[in-house]
Amino acid sequence: MKSVLGALLGVPGTILVAGGLGLMGVTVFSRIVRRGDREPIRWAHLALGLFMLVLGAALVDLEVIFVGAS
């Protein structure tokens, strides 16, 4: 039961952390490196990436607290 609960919290948490870091990285990269006449990604995506990162880190933290680091 502990492993199922750990997976239910840890897997989405890890996905959110990776997605948040990726979204923030792409947003900053698109602002620094301009290509042709394309508009860079909006700053709202940076906030969304930060929100995903914080939510994912909280889920992973909850997993460690409730299930334990395994």
N, C-alpha and C. Protein backbone atom coordinates (compact mmCIF):
# COMPACT_ATOMS: atom_id res chain seq x y z
N MET A 1 0.82 -1.19 0.00
CA MET A 1 0.00 0.00 0.00
C MET A 1 0.87 1.26 0.00
N LYS A 2 1.98 1.20 0.73
CA LYS A 2 2.88 2.36 0.77
C LYS A 2 3.46 2.67 -0.60
N SER A 3 3.79 1.63 -1.35
CA SER A 3 4.38 1.87 -2.66
C SER A 3 3.37 2.47 -3.64
N VAL A 4 2.12 2.06 -3.52
CA VAL A 4 1.09 2.65 -4.39
C VAL A 4 0.87 4.11 -4.05
N LEU A 5 0.80 4.43 -2.77
CA LEU A 5 0.63 5.81 -2.35
C LEU A 5 1.85 6.65 -2.75
N GLY A 6 3.03 6.07 -2.61
CA GLY A 6 4.24 6.77 -3.03
C GLY A 6 4.25 7.05 -4.52
N ALA A 7 3.78 6.09 -5.30
CA ALA A 7 3.73 6.28 -6.75
C ALA A 7 2.68 7.32 -7.14
N LEU A 8 1.55 7.32 -6.43
CA LEU A 8 0.49 8.27 -6.74
C LEU A 8 0.90 9.72 -6.43
N LEU A 9 1.79 9.89 -5.49
CA LEU A 9 2.28 11.23 -5.17
C LEU A 9 3.57 11.57 -5.90
N GLY A 10 4.46 10.61 -6.01
CA GLY A 10 5.79 10.88 -6.55
C GLY A 10 5.85 11.06 -8.05
N VAL A 11 5.12 10.23 -8.78
CA VAL A 11 5.18 10.31 -10.25
C VAL A 11 4.62 11.63 -10.78
N PRO A 12 3.40 12.04 -10.37
CA PRO A 12 2.94 13.35 -10.84
C PRO A 12 3.81 14.50 -10.34
N GLY A 13 4.36 14.37 -9.13
CA GLY A 13 5.26 15.41 -8.63
C GLY A 13 6.50 15.56 -9.48
N THR A 14 7.08 14.43 -9.86
CA THR A 14 8.27 14.47 -10.71
C THR A 14 7.95 15.03 -12.09
N ILE A 15 6.81 14.65 -12.64
CA ILE A 15 6.40 15.18 -13.95
C ILE A 15 6.19 16.69 -13.88
N LEU A 16 5.57 17.17 -12.81
CA LEU A 16 5.35 18.61 -12.66
C LEU A 16 6.66 19.37 -12.49
N VAL A 17 7.60 18.81 -11.74
CA VAL A 17 8.91 19.47 -11.58
C VAL A 17 9.62 19.56 -12.92
N ALA A 18 9.65 18.46 -13.66
CA ALA A 18 10.33 18.46 -14.96
C ALA A 18 9.64 19.39 -15.95
N GLY A 19 8.32 19.35 -15.98
CA GLY A 19 7.59 20.23 -16.89
C GLY A 19 7.75 21.69 -16.55
N GLY A 20 7.73 22.00 -15.26
CA GLY A 20 7.91 23.39 -14.83
C GLY A 20 9.28 23.92 -15.18
N LEU A 21 10.32 23.11 -14.94
CA LEU A 21 11.68 23.53 -15.29
C LEU A 21 11.82 23.71 -16.80
N GLY A 22 11.24 22.80 -17.55
CA GLY A 22 11.31 22.89 -19.01
C GLY A 22 10.60 24.12 -19.54
N LEU A 23 9.41 24.39 -19.03
CA LEU A 23 8.65 25.54 -19.48
C LEU A 23 9.34 26.85 -19.13
N MET A 24 9.92 26.91 -17.93
CA MET A 24 10.66 28.12 -17.55
C MET A 24 11.90 28.28 -18.42
N GLY A 25 12.59 27.19 -18.68
CA GLY A 25 13.79 27.26 -19.52
C GLY A 25 13.49 27.70 -20.94
N VAL A 26 12.43 27.16 -21.52
CA VAL A 26 12.07 27.54 -22.90
C VAL A 26 11.63 28.99 -22.95
N THR A 27 10.92 29.45 -21.92
CA THR A 27 10.48 30.85 -21.90
C THR A 27 11.67 31.79 -21.86
N VAL A 28 12.61 31.53 -20.97
CA VAL A 28 13.80 32.39 -20.87
C VAL A 28 14.63 32.29 -22.14
N PHE A 29 14.78 31.09 -22.68
CA PHE A 29 15.56 30.91 -23.90
C PHE A 29 14.93 31.67 -25.07
N SER A 30 13.61 31.64 -25.18
CA SER A 30 12.96 32.34 -26.29
C SER A 30 13.08 33.85 -26.14
N ARG A 31 13.26 34.33 -24.92
CA ARG A 31 13.46 35.76 -24.72
C ARG A 31 14.89 36.18 -25.06
N ILE A 32 15.85 35.31 -24.78
CA ILE A 32 17.25 35.64 -25.01
C ILE A 32 17.61 35.49 -26.48
N VAL A 33 17.22 34.35 -27.06
CA VAL A 33 17.56 34.06 -28.46
C VAL A 33 16.34 34.32 -29.32
N ARG A 34 16.37 35.39 -30.05
CA ARG A 34 15.25 35.74 -30.94
C ARG A 34 15.51 35.12 -32.31
N ARG A 35 14.50 34.50 -32.88
CA ARG A 35 14.65 33.85 -34.19
C ARG A 35 13.69 34.48 -35.18
N GLY A 36 14.26 35.15 -36.16
CA GLY A 36 13.45 35.75 -37.22
C GLY A 36 12.42 36.73 -36.70
N ASP A 37 11.24 36.61 -37.24
CA ASP A 37 10.18 37.53 -36.84
C ASP A 37 9.20 36.88 -35.86
N ARG A 38 9.59 35.78 -35.26
CA ARG A 38 8.73 35.11 -34.28
C ARG A 38 8.67 35.90 -32.98
N GLU A 39 7.49 35.89 -32.38
CA GLU A 39 7.36 36.50 -31.06
C GLU A 39 7.86 35.52 -30.01
N PRO A 40 8.52 36.01 -28.97
CA PRO A 40 8.93 35.10 -27.90
C PRO A 40 7.72 34.64 -27.08
N ILE A 41 7.91 33.58 -26.34
CA ILE A 41 6.84 33.06 -25.50
C ILE A 41 6.50 34.10 -24.44
N ARG A 42 5.24 34.20 -24.11
CA ARG A 42 4.80 35.22 -23.15
C ARG A 42 5.32 34.93 -21.75
N TRP A 43 5.43 35.99 -20.96
CA TRP A 43 5.93 35.86 -19.59
C TRP A 43 4.98 35.07 -18.71
N ALA A 44 3.72 34.95 -19.10
CA ALA A 44 2.78 34.16 -18.30
C ALA A 44 3.20 32.70 -18.25
N HIS A 45 3.88 32.24 -19.29
CA HIS A 45 4.36 30.87 -19.30
C HIS A 45 5.45 30.66 -18.25
N LEU A 46 6.22 31.69 -17.97
CA LEU A 46 7.22 31.60 -16.90
C LEU A 46 6.53 31.41 -15.55
N ALA A 47 5.46 32.15 -15.33
CA ALA A 47 4.71 32.01 -14.08
C ALA A 47 4.06 30.64 -13.99
N LEU A 48 3.53 30.13 -15.11
CA LEU A 48 2.95 28.80 -15.12
C LEU A 48 4.01 27.74 -14.81
N GLY A 49 5.19 27.88 -15.38
CA GLY A 49 6.29 26.95 -15.11
C GLY A 49 6.71 26.99 -13.65
N LEU A 50 6.75 28.17 -13.08
CA LEU A 50 7.10 28.30 -11.66
C LEU A 50 6.04 27.67 -10.78
N PHE A 51 4.77 27.86 -11.13
CA PHE A 51 3.68 27.25 -10.38
C PHE A 51 3.76 25.71 -10.45
N MET A 52 4.04 25.19 -11.64
CA MET A 52 4.17 23.74 -11.81
C MET A 52 5.35 23.21 -10.99
N LEU A 53 6.45 23.93 -10.98
CA LEU A 53 7.63 23.52 -10.22
C LEU A 53 7.33 23.48 -8.72
N VAL A 54 6.69 24.51 -8.21
CA VAL A 54 6.37 24.56 -6.78
C VAL A 54 5.38 23.47 -6.40
N LEU A 55 4.35 23.26 -7.23
CA LEU A 55 3.37 22.23 -6.95
C LEU A 55 4.00 20.83 -6.99
N GLY A 56 4.87 20.60 -7.96
CA GLY A 56 5.56 19.31 -8.04
C GLY A 56 6.48 19.08 -6.87
N ALA A 57 7.19 20.12 -6.46
CA ALA A 57 8.08 19.98 -5.30
C ALA A 57 7.29 19.70 -4.04
N ALA A 58 6.10 20.32 -3.92
CA ALA A 58 5.25 20.06 -2.75
C ALA A 58 4.75 18.62 -2.75
N LEU A 59 4.39 18.09 -3.92
CA LEU A 59 3.95 16.70 -3.99
C LEU A 59 5.07 15.73 -3.63
N VAL A 60 6.26 15.99 -4.12
CA VAL A 60 7.40 15.12 -3.79
C VAL A 60 7.70 15.22 -2.30
N ASP A 61 7.60 16.41 -1.74
CA ASP A 61 7.82 16.59 -0.31
C ASP A 61 6.78 15.82 0.51
N LEU A 62 5.53 15.89 0.08
CA LEU A 62 4.47 15.13 0.76
C LEU A 62 4.74 13.62 0.68
N GLU A 63 5.24 13.18 -0.45
CA GLU A 63 5.56 11.77 -0.59
C GLU A 63 6.64 11.35 0.41
N VAL A 64 7.66 12.17 0.54
CA VAL A 64 8.75 11.85 1.46
C VAL A 64 8.25 11.89 2.91
N ILE A 65 7.39 12.82 3.23
CA ILE A 65 6.87 12.92 4.59
C ILE A 65 5.96 11.73 4.94
N PHE A 66 5.01 11.43 4.06
CA PHE A 66 4.03 10.41 4.38
C PHE A 66 4.49 8.99 4.11
N VAL A 67 5.22 8.78 3.05
CA VAL A 67 5.62 7.42 2.66
C VAL A 67 7.05 7.13 3.08
N GLY A 68 7.87 8.16 3.07
CA GLY A 68 9.29 7.97 3.39
C GLY A 68 10.10 7.87 2.10
N ALA A 69 11.35 8.25 2.20
CA ALA A 69 12.25 8.17 1.05
C ALA A 69 12.64 6.72 0.82
N SER A 70 12.37 6.24 -0.37
CA SER A 70 12.70 4.84 -0.66
C SER A 70 13.53 4.71 -1.90
